[in-house]
Amino acid sequence: MAIEDAAALGIAFSTKFFKGNIEEALAVYQDVRLPRVTRVQSAAAKAAYNINERIGRNFASLMEARALTRQDSRKIPTSPLTRSRTSETSLRLRK
């Protein structure tokens, strides 16, 4: 939304459209932007309210499964020197 606002302000204050009256330019900007901003804010509010319906009721269980998977992957030994799952011996052999 901020990028759209900046673009709209850029057009409103461009030499092609700006007639020197700041209040008039801002009023036109508001008249142009208000319907779009209202639609986007309304859609965002509905999306936040209906998040379970939009992405599925199993979302929480999927997130729990991913968290468990991440915890399991932390148990894989890593090298403190390289923070890699490749051992120092293996790295030395690659040189």
PDB file of N, CA and C in Angstrom:
ATOM      1  N   MET A   1       0.817  -1.190   0.000  1.00  0.00           N
ATOM      2  CA  MET A   1       0.000   0.000   0.000  1.00  0.00           C
ATOM      3  C   MET A   1       0.863   1.256   0.000  1.00  0.00           C
ATOM      4  N   ALA A   2       1.964   1.235   0.694  1.00  0.00           N
ATOM      5  CA  ALA A   2       2.822   2.419   0.765  1.00  0.00           C
ATOM      6  C   ALA A   2       3.383   2.768  -0.614  1.00  0.00           C
ATOM      7  N   ILE A   3       3.735   1.741  -1.377  1.00  0.00           N
ATOM      8  CA  ILE A   3       4.280   2.001  -2.716  1.00  0.00           C
ATOM      9  C   ILE A   3       3.195   2.585  -3.617  1.00  0.00           C
ATOM     10  N   GLU A   4       1.981   2.050  -3.500  1.00  0.00           N
ATOM     11  CA  GLU A   4       0.867   2.605  -4.276  1.00  0.00           C
ATOM     12  C   GLU A   4       0.591   4.050  -3.866  1.00  0.00           C
ATOM     13  N   ASP A   5       0.640   4.324  -2.566  1.00  0.00           N
ATOM     14  CA  ASP A   5       0.438   5.694  -2.083  1.00  0.00           C
ATOM     15  C   ASP A   5       1.497   6.631  -2.656  1.00  0.00           C
ATOM     16  N   ALA A   6       2.740   6.174  -2.628  1.00  0.00           N
ATOM     17  CA  ALA A   6       3.832   7.006  -3.157  1.00  0.00           C
ATOM     18  C   ALA A   6       3.640   7.274  -4.646  1.00  0.00           C
ATOM     19  N   ALA A   7       3.231   6.254  -5.376  1.00  0.00           N
ATOM     20  CA  ALA A   7       3.002   6.438  -6.816  1.00  0.00           C
ATOM     21  C   ALA A   7       1.860   7.424  -7.063  1.00  0.00           C
ATOM     22  N   ALA A   8       0.780   7.284  -6.307  1.00  0.00           N
ATOM     23  CA  ALA A   8      -0.358   8.189  -6.459  1.00  0.00           C
ATOM     24  C   ALA A   8       0.025   9.629  -6.104  1.00  0.00           C
ATOM     25  N   LEU A   9       0.797   9.788  -5.027  1.00  0.00           N
ATOM     26  CA  LEU A   9       1.253  11.135  -4.668  1.00  0.00           C
ATOM     27  C   LEU A   9       2.188  11.706  -5.732  1.00  0.00           C
ATOM     28  N   GLY A  10       3.032  10.846  -6.277  1.00  0.00           N
ATOM     29  CA  GLY A  10       3.920  11.287  -7.351  1.00  0.00           C
ATOM     30  C   GLY A  10       3.153  11.797  -8.554  1.00  0.00           C
ATOM     31  N   ILE A  11       2.086  11.098  -8.892  1.00  0.00           N
ATOM     32  CA  ILE A  11       1.248  11.536 -10.022  1.00  0.00           C
ATOM     33  C   ILE A  11       0.506  12.813  -9.664  1.00  0.00           C
ATOM     34  N   ALA A  12      -0.071  12.871  -8.454  1.00  0.00           N
ATOM     35  CA  ALA A  12      -0.844  14.050  -8.043  1.00  0.00           C
ATOM     36  C   ALA A  12       0.011  15.313  -8.032  1.00  0.00           C
ATOM     37  N   PHE A  13       1.301  15.169  -7.685  1.00  0.00           N
ATOM     38  CA  PHE A  13       2.179  16.328  -7.616  1.00  0.00           C
ATOM     39  C   PHE A  13       3.108  16.452  -8.820  1.00  0.00           C
ATOM     40  N   SER A  14       2.837  15.689  -9.861  1.00  0.00           N
ATOM     41  CA  SER A  14       3.669  15.791 -11.067  1.00  0.00           C
ATOM     42  C   SER A  14       3.347  17.095 -11.804  1.00  0.00           C
ATOM     43  N   THR A  15       4.277  17.514 -12.642  1.00  0.00           N
ATOM     44  CA  THR A  15       4.077  18.775 -13.375  1.00  0.00           C
ATOM     45  C   THR A  15       2.876  18.692 -14.313  1.00  0.00           C
ATOM     46  N   LYS A  16       2.519  17.499 -14.726  1.00  0.00           N
ATOM     47  CA  LYS A  16       1.379  17.323 -15.634  1.00  0.00           C
ATOM     48  C   LYS A  16       0.052  17.622 -14.936  1.00  0.00           C
ATOM     49  N   PHE A  17      -0.080  17.263 -13.643  1.00  0.00           N
ATOM     50  CA  PHE A  17      -1.359  17.393 -12.959  1.00  0.00           C
ATOM     51  C   PHE A  17      -1.380  18.451 -11.861  1.00  0.00           C
ATOM     52  N   PHE A  18      -0.251  18.771 -11.267  1.00  0.00           N
ATOM     53  CA  PHE A  18      -0.218  19.708 -10.148  1.00  0.00           C
ATOM     54  C   PHE A  18      -0.348  21.135 -10.656  1.00  0.00           C
ATOM     55  N   LYS A  19      -1.365  21.841 -10.136  1.00  0.00           N
ATOM     56  CA  LYS A  19      -1.636  23.224 -10.565  1.00  0.00           C
ATOM     57  C   LYS A  19      -1.195  24.251  -9.536  1.00  0.00           C
ATOM     58  N   GLY A  20      -0.466  23.804  -8.487  1.00  0.00           N
ATOM     59  CA  GLY A  20       0.032  24.743  -7.490  1.00  0.00           C
ATOM     60  C   GLY A  20      -0.752  24.761  -6.202  1.00  0.00           C
ATOM     61  N   ASN A  21      -1.913  24.106  -6.180  1.00  0.00           N
ATOM     62  CA  ASN A  21      -2.737  24.095  -4.975  1.00  0.00           C
ATOM     63  C   ASN A  21      -2.545  22.748  -4.265  1.00  0.00           C
ATOM     64  N   ILE A  22      -1.839  22.765  -3.149  1.00  0.00           N
ATOM     65  CA  ILE A  22      -1.527  21.539  -2.420  1.00  0.00           C
ATOM     66  C   ILE A  22      -2.797  20.889  -1.872  1.00  0.00           C
ATOM     67  N   GLU A  23      -3.701  21.707  -1.314  1.00  0.00           N
ATOM     68  CA  GLU A  23      -4.942  21.145  -0.754  1.00  0.00           C
ATOM     69  C   GLU A  23      -5.760  20.447  -1.825  1.00  0.00           C
ATOM     70  N   GLU A  24      -5.825  21.021  -3.001  1.00  0.00           N
ATOM     71  CA  GLU A  24      -6.575  20.404  -4.103  1.00  0.00           C
ATOM     72  C   GLU A  24      -5.922  19.095  -4.542  1.00  0.00           C
ATOM     73  N   ALA A  25      -4.594  19.073  -4.639  1.00  0.00           N
ATOM     74  CA  ALA A  25      -3.887  17.857  -5.042  1.00  0.00           C
ATOM     75  C   ALA A  25      -4.093  16.740  -4.017  1.00  0.00           C
ATOM     76  N   LEU A  26      -4.038  17.090  -2.727  1.00  0.00           N
ATOM     77  CA  LEU A  26      -4.252  16.089  -1.687  1.00  0.00           C
ATOM     78  C   LEU A  26      -5.697  15.599  -1.661  1.00  0.00           C
ATOM     79  N   ALA A  27      -6.652  16.473  -1.971  1.00  0.00           N
ATOM     80  CA  ALA A  27      -8.059  16.067  -2.024  1.00  0.00           C
ATOM     81  C   ALA A  27      -8.286  15.078  -3.170  1.00  0.00           C
ATOM     82  N   VAL A  28      -7.665  15.347  -4.319  1.00  0.00           N
ATOM     83  CA  VAL A  28      -7.773  14.424  -5.455  1.00  0.00           C
ATOM     84  C   VAL A  28      -7.124  13.091  -5.107  1.00  0.00           C
ATOM     85  N   TYR A  29      -5.951  13.158  -4.482  1.00  0.00           N
ATOM     86  CA  TYR A  29      -5.257  11.940  -4.045  1.00  0.00           C
ATOM     87  C   TYR A  29      -6.156  11.117  -3.132  1.00  0.00           C
ATOM     88  N   GLN A  30      -6.789  11.759  -2.159  1.00  0.00           N
ATOM     89  CA  GLN A  30      -7.645  11.048  -1.219  1.00  0.00           C
ATOM     90  C   GLN A  30      -8.863  10.464  -1.930  1.00  0.00           C
ATOM     91  N   ASP A  31      -9.456  11.204  -2.850  1.00  0.00           N
ATOM     92  CA  ASP A  31     -10.614  10.705  -3.590  1.00  0.00           C
ATOM     93  C   ASP A  31     -10.255   9.481  -4.435  1.00  0.00           C
ATOM     94  N   VAL A  32      -9.052   9.478  -4.974  1.00  0.00           N
ATOM     95  CA  VAL A  32      -8.613   8.367  -5.818  1.00  0.00           C
ATOM     96  C   VAL A  32      -8.233   7.160  -4.965  1.00  0.00           C
ATOM     97  N   ARG A  33      -7.534   7.380  -3.872  1.00  0.00           N
ATOM     98  CA  ARG A  33      -6.990   6.281  -3.065  1.00  0.00           C
ATOM     99  C   ARG A  33      -8.002   5.656  -2.095  1.00  0.00           C
ATOM    100  N   LEU A  34      -8.944   6.417  -1.592  1.00  0.00           N
ATOM    101  CA  LEU A  34      -9.837   5.925  -0.548  1.00  0.00           C
ATOM    102  C   LEU A  34     -10.581   4.639  -0.939  1.00  0.00           C
ATOM    103  N   PRO A  35     -11.172   4.527  -2.120  1.00  0.00           N
ATOM    104  CA  PRO A  35     -11.869   3.277  -2.450  1.00  0.00           C
ATOM    105  C   PRO A  35     -10.943   2.054  -2.456  1.00  0.00           C
ATOM    106  N   ARG A  36      -9.753   2.198  -3.021  1.00  0.00           N
ATOM    107  CA  ARG A  36      -8.797   1.083  -3.073  1.00  0.00           C
ATOM    108  C   ARG A  36      -8.333   0.690  -1.667  1.00  0.00           C
ATOM    109  N   VAL A  37      -7.970   1.677  -0.862  1.00  0.00           N
ATOM    110  CA  VAL A  37      -7.489   1.416   0.489  1.00  0.00           C
ATOM    111  C   VAL A  37      -8.581   0.737   1.315  1.00  0.00           C
ATOM    112  N   THR A  38      -9.809   1.199   1.168  1.00  0.00           N
ATOM    113  CA  THR A  38     -10.932   0.608   1.902  1.00  0.00           C
ATOM    114  C   THR A  38     -11.117  -0.857   1.516  1.00  0.00           C
ATOM    115  N   ARG A  39     -11.041  -1.159   0.216  1.00  0.00           N
ATOM    116  CA  ARG A  39     -11.178  -2.548  -0.235  1.00  0.00           C
ATOM    117  C   ARG A  39     -10.060  -3.426   0.308  1.00  0.00           C
ATOM    118  N   VAL A  40      -8.836  -2.946   0.259  1.00  0.00           N
ATOM    119  CA  VAL A  40      -7.697  -3.731   0.734  1.00  0.00           C
ATOM    120  C   VAL A  40      -7.790  -3.968   2.242  1.00  0.00           C
ATOM    121  N   GLN A  41      -8.118  -2.937   3.002  1.00  0.00           N
ATOM    122  CA  GLN A  41      -8.241  -3.086   4.452  1.00  0.00           C
ATOM    123  C   GLN A  41      -9.373  -4.041   4.815  1.00  0.00           C
ATOM    124  N   SER A  42     -10.467  -3.967   4.084  1.00  0.00           N
ATOM    125  CA  SER A  42     -11.589  -4.870   4.329  1.00  0.00           C
ATOM    126  C   SER A  42     -11.200  -6.315   4.030  1.00  0.00           C
ATOM    127  N   ALA A  43     -10.505  -6.529   2.920  1.00  0.00           N
ATOM    128  CA  ALA A  43     -10.060  -7.876   2.564  1.00  0.00           C
ATOM    129  C   ALA A  43      -9.074  -8.419   3.593  1.00  0.00           C
ATOM    130  N   ALA A  44      -8.186  -7.560   4.084  1.00  0.00           N
ATOM    131  CA  ALA A  44      -7.213  -7.992   5.096  1.00  0.00           C
ATOM    132  C   ALA A  44      -7.918  -8.368   6.397  1.00  0.00           C
ATOM    133  N   ALA A  45      -8.922  -7.610   6.778  1.00  0.00           N
ATOM    134  CA  ALA A  45      -9.670  -7.919   8.003  1.00  0.00           C
ATOM    135  C   ALA A  45     -10.412  -9.240   7.855  1.00  0.00           C
ATOM    136  N   LYS A  46     -11.025  -9.460   6.693  1.00  0.00           N
ATOM    137  CA  LYS A  46     -11.727 -10.728   6.456  1.00  0.00           C
ATOM    138  C   LYS A  46     -10.746 -11.894   6.452  1.00  0.00           C
ATOM    139  N   ALA A  47      -9.593 -11.698   5.852  1.00  0.00           N
ATOM    140  CA  ALA A  47      -8.589 -12.759   5.793  1.00  0.00           C
ATOM    141  C   ALA A  47      -8.096 -13.109   7.189  1.00  0.00           C
ATOM    142  N   ALA A  48      -7.898 -12.120   8.022  1.00  0.00           N
ATOM    143  CA  ALA A  48      -7.446 -12.378   9.383  1.00  0.00           C
ATOM    144  C   ALA A  48      -8.521 -13.112  10.173  1.00  0.00           C
ATOM    145  N   TYR A  49      -9.768 -12.757   9.934  1.00  0.00           N
ATOM    146  CA  TYR A  49     -10.870 -13.389  10.651  1.00  0.00           C
ATOM    147  C   TYR A  49     -11.092 -14.825  10.181  1.00  0.00           C
ATOM    148  N   ASN A  50     -10.920 -15.065   8.893  1.00  0.00           N
ATOM    149  CA  ASN A  50     -11.213 -16.372   8.318  1.00  0.00           C
ATOM    150  C   ASN A  50      -9.960 -17.185   8.023  1.00  0.00           C
ATOM    151  N   ILE A  51      -8.901 -16.980   8.746  1.00  0.00           N
ATOM    152  CA  ILE A  51      -7.625 -17.626   8.396  1.00  0.00           C
ATOM    153  C   ILE A  51      -7.741 -19.144   8.388  1.00  0.00           C
ATOM    154  N   ASN A  52      -8.489 -19.714   9.307  1.00  0.00           N
ATOM    155  CA  ASN A  52      -8.615 -21.171   9.314  1.00  0.00           C
ATOM    156  C   ASN A  52      -9.329 -21.681   8.079  1.00  0.00           C
ATOM    157  N   GLU A  53     -10.328 -20.967   7.618  1.00  0.00           N
ATOM    158  CA  GLU A  53     -11.047 -21.392   6.423  1.00  0.00           C
ATOM    159  C   GLU A  53     -10.191 -21.226   5.165  1.00  0.00           C
ATOM    160  N   ARG A  54      -9.369 -20.190   5.145  1.00  0.00           N
ATOM    161  CA  ARG A  54      -8.567 -19.929   3.948  1.00  0.00           C
ATOM    162  C   ARG A  54      -7.439 -20.932   3.780  1.00  0.00           C
ATOM    163  N   ILE A  55      -6.788 -21.317   4.862  1.00  0.00           N
ATOM    164  CA  ILE A  55      -5.616 -22.180   4.713  1.00  0.00           C
ATOM    165  C   ILE A  55      -5.832 -23.579   5.242  1.00  0.00           C
ATOM    166  N   GLY A  56      -7.018 -23.845   5.729  1.00  0.00           N
ATOM    167  CA  GLY A  56      -7.318 -25.194   6.175  1.00  0.00           C
ATOM    168  C   GLY A  56      -7.239 -25.332   7.677  1.00  0.00           C
ATOM    169  N   ARG A  57      -8.075 -26.177   8.201  1.00  0.00           N
ATOM    170  CA  ARG A  57      -8.141 -26.368   9.647  1.00  0.00           C
ATOM    171  C   ARG A  57      -6.935 -27.117  10.185  1.00  0.00           C
ATOM    172  N   ASN A  58      -6.194 -27.769   9.317  1.00  0.00           N
ATOM    173  CA  ASN A  58      -5.041 -28.551   9.764  1.00  0.00           C
ATOM    174  C   ASN A  58      -3.771 -27.719   9.872  1.00  0.00           C
ATOM    175  N   PHE A  59      -3.873 -26.415   9.701  1.00  0.00           N
ATOM    176  CA  PHE A  59      -2.689 -25.565   9.714  1.00  0.00           C
ATOM    177  C   PHE A  59      -1.906 -25.692  11.012  1.00  0.00           C
ATOM    178  N   ALA A  60      -2.608 -25.661  12.141  1.00  0.00           N
ATOM    179  CA  ALA A  60      -1.918 -25.748  13.429  1.00  0.00           C
ATOM    180  C   ALA A  60      -1.179 -27.068  13.555  1.00  0.00           C
ATOM    181  N   SER A  61      -1.814 -28.166  13.133  1.00  0.00           N
ATOM    182  CA  SER A  61      -1.139 -29.463  13.234  1.00  0.00           C
ATOM    183  C   SER A  61       0.046 -29.544  12.281  1.00  0.00           C
ATOM    184  N   LEU A  62      -0.058 -28.903  11.114  1.00  0.00           N
ATOM    185  CA  LEU A  62       1.087 -28.870  10.188  1.00  0.00           C
ATOM    186  C   LEU A  62       2.238 -28.084  10.790  1.00  0.00           C
ATOM    187  N   MET A  63       1.938 -26.976  11.455  1.00  0.00           N
ATOM    188  CA  MET A  63       2.988 -26.176  12.081  1.00  0.00           C
ATOM    189  C   MET A  63       3.648 -26.946  13.212  1.00  0.00           C
ATOM    190  N   GLU A  64       2.855 -27.683  13.971  1.00  0.00           N
ATOM    191  CA  GLU A  64       3.426 -28.499  15.042  1.00  0.00           C
ATOM    192  C   GLU A  64       4.345 -29.561  14.463  1.00  0.00           C
ATOM    193  N   ALA A  65       3.919 -30.191  13.369  1.00  0.00           N
ATOM    194  CA  ALA A  65       4.746 -31.220  12.730  1.00  0.00           C
ATOM    195  C   ALA A  65       6.062 -30.619  12.230  1.00  0.00           C
ATOM    196  N   ARG A  66       5.991 -29.430  11.656  1.00  0.00           N
ATOM    197  CA  ARG A  66       7.225 -28.781  11.187  1.00  0.00           C
ATOM    198  C   ARG A  66       8.155 -28.452  12.343  1.00  0.00           C
ATOM    199  N   ALA A  67       7.573 -28.016  13.453  1.00  0.00           N
ATOM    200  CA  ALA A  67       8.398 -27.694  14.622  1.00  0.00           C
ATOM    201  C   ALA A  67       9.095 -28.947  15.125  1.00  0.00           C
ATOM    202  N   LEU A  68       8.378 -30.059  15.138  1.00  0.00           N
ATOM    203  CA  LEU A  68       8.995 -31.316  15.566  1.00  0.00           C
ATOM    204  C   LEU A  68      10.100 -31.733  14.612  1.00  0.00           C
ATOM    205  N   THR A  69       9.863 -31.555  13.315  1.00  0.00           N
ATOM    206  CA  THR A  69      10.873 -31.902  12.315  1.00  0.00           C
ATOM    207  C   THR A  69      12.123 -31.048  12.518  1.00  0.00           C
ATOM    208  N   ARG A  70      11.919 -29.763  12.791  1.00  0.00           N
ATOM    209  CA  ARG A  70      13.057 -28.879  13.028  1.00  0.00           C
ATOM    210  C   ARG A  70      13.829 -29.313  14.264  1.00  0.00           C
ATOM    211  N   GLN A  71      13.118 -29.699  15.302  1.00  0.00           N
ATOM    212  CA  GLN A  71      13.787 -30.160  16.515  1.00  0.00           C
ATOM    213  C   GLN A  71      14.572 -31.434  16.237  1.00  0.00           C
ATOM    214  N   ASP A  72      14.010 -32.340  15.442  1.00  0.00           N
ATOM    215  CA  ASP A  72      14.700 -33.579  15.100  1.00  0.00           C
ATOM    216  C   ASP A  72      15.967 -33.286  14.299  1.00  0.00           C
ATOM    217  N   SER A  73      15.895 -32.293  13.409  1.00  0.00           N
ATOM    218  CA  SER A  73      17.068 -31.986  12.594  1.00  0.00           C
ATOM    219  C   SER A  73      18.185 -31.382  13.433  1.00  0.00           C
ATOM    220  N   ARG A  74      17.842 -30.779  14.569  1.00  0.00           N
ATOM    221  CA  ARG A  74      18.870 -30.216  15.447  1.00  0.00           C
ATOM    222  C   ARG A  74      19.670 -31.310  16.149  1.00  0.00           C
ATOM    223  N   LYS A  75      19.118 -32.502  16.200  1.00  0.00           N
ATOM    224  CA  LYS A  75      19.800 -33.602  16.861  1.00  0.00           C
ATOM    225  C   LYS A  75      20.914 -34.196  15.991  1.00  0.00           C
ATOM    226  N   ILE A  76      20.902 -33.850  14.697  1.00  0.00           N
ATOM    227  CA  ILE A  76      21.943 -34.350  13.807  1.00  0.00           C
ATOM    228  C   ILE A  76      23.241 -33.666  14.193  1.00  0.00           C
ATOM    229  N   PRO A  77      24.305 -34.423  14.402  1.00  0.00           N
ATOM    230  CA  PRO A  77      25.554 -33.806  14.864  1.00  0.00           C
ATOM    231  C   PRO A  77      26.114 -32.835  13.830  1.00  0.00           C
ATOM    232  N   THR A  78      26.544 -31.704  14.317  1.00  0.00           N
ATOM    233  CA  THR A  78      27.171 -30.706  13.455  1.00  0.00           C
ATOM    234  C   THR A  78      28.533 -30.356  14.028  1.00  0.00           C
ATOM    235  N   SER A  79      29.376 -29.841  13.177  1.00  0.00           N
ATOM    236  CA  SER A  79      30.705 -29.449  13.596  1.00  0.00           C
ATOM    237  C   SER A  79      30.650 -28.092  14.281  1.00  0.00           C
ATOM    238  N   PRO A  80      31.202 -27.940  15.470  1.00  0.00           N
ATOM    239  CA  PRO A  80      31.202 -26.627  16.118  1.00  0.00           C
ATOM    240  C   PRO A  80      32.079 -25.626  15.375  1.00  0.00           C
ATOM    241  N   LEU A  81      33.039 -26.134  14.620  1.00  0.00           N
ATOM    242  CA  LEU A  81      33.942 -25.258  13.887  1.00  0.00           C
ATOM    243  C   LEU A  81      33.252 -24.638  12.665  1.00  0.00           C
ATOM    244  N   THR A  82      32.553 -25.451  11.920  1.00  0.00           N
ATOM    245  CA  THR A  82      31.957 -24.976  10.670  1.00  0.00           C
ATOM    246  C   THR A  82      30.450 -24.819  10.734  1.00  0.00           C
ATOM    247  N   ARG A  83      29.814 -25.287  11.821  1.00  0.00           N
ATOM    248  CA  ARG A  83      28.362 -25.317  11.950  1.00  0.00           C
ATOM    249  C   ARG A  83      27.736 -26.078  10.794  1.00  0.00           C
ATOM    250  N   SER A  84      28.457 -27.025  10.312  1.00  0.00           N
ATOM    251  CA  SER A  84      28.031 -27.814   9.173  1.00  0.00           C
ATOM    252  C   SER A  84      27.810 -29.243   9.619  1.00  0.00           C
ATOM    253  N   ARG A  85      27.035 -29.964   8.855  1.00  0.00           N
ATOM    254  CA  ARG A  85      26.845 -31.378   9.141  1.00  0.00           C
ATOM    255  C   ARG A  85      27.986 -32.199   8.553  1.00  0.00           C
ATOM    256  N   THR A  86      28.872 -31.525   7.874  1.00  0.00           N
ATOM    257  CA  THR A  86      30.057 -32.175   7.320  1.00  0.00           C
ATOM    258  C   THR A  86      31.167 -32.112   8.353  1.00  0.00           C
ATOM    259  N   SER A  87      31.800 -33.212   8.600  1.00  0.00           N
ATOM    260  CA  SER A  87      32.846 -33.248   9.623  1.00  0.00           C
ATOM    261  C   SER A  87      34.118 -32.563   9.132  1.00  0.00           C
ATOM    262  N   GLU A  88      34.971 -32.183  10.098  1.00  0.00           N
ATOM    263  CA  GLU A  88      36.247 -31.567   9.720  1.00  0.00           C
ATOM    264  C   GLU A  88      37.114 -32.549   8.935  1.00  0.00           C
ATOM    265  N   THR A  89      37.029 -33.807   9.288  1.00  0.00           N
ATOM    266  CA  THR A  89      37.819 -34.815   8.572  1.00  0.00           C
ATOM    267  C   THR A  89      37.385 -34.869   7.109  1.00  0.00           C
ATOM    268  N   SER A  90      36.101 -34.860   6.887  1.00  0.00           N
ATOM    269  CA  SER A  90      35.599 -34.889   5.525  1.00  0.00           C
ATOM    270  C   SER A  90      36.005 -33.640   4.759  1.00  0.00           C
ATOM    271  N   LEU A  91      35.997 -32.501   5.435  1.00  0.00           N
ATOM    272  CA  LEU A  91      36.427 -31.254   4.780  1.00  0.00           C
ATOM    273  C   LEU A  91      37.905 -31.301   4.424  1.00  0.00           C
ATOM    274  N   ARG A  92      38.718 -31.845   5.306  1.00  0.00           N
ATOM    275  CA  ARG A  92      40.156 -31.956   5.038  1.00  0.00           C
ATOM    276  C   ARG A  92      40.407 -32.842   3.819  1.00  0.00           C
ATOM    277  N   LEU A  93      39.647 -33.899   3.702  1.00  0.00           N
ATOM    278  CA  LEU A  93      39.829 -34.819   2.562  1.00  0.00           C
ATOM    279  C   LEU A  93      39.443 -34.168   1.239  1.00  0.00           C
ATOM    280  N   ARG A  94      38.586 -33.175   1.284  1.00  0.00           N
ATOM    281  CA  ARG A  94      38.138 -32.514   0.044  1.00  0.00           C
ATOM    282  C   ARG A  94      39.190 -31.570  -0.512  1.00  0.00           C
ATOM    283  N   LYS A  95      40.153 -31.144   0.288  1.00  0.00           N
ATOM    284  CA  LYS A  95      41.158 -30.177  -0.171  1.00  0.00           C
ATOM    285  C   LYS A  95      42.077 -30.743  -1.179  1.00  0.00           C
TER     286      LYS A  95
END
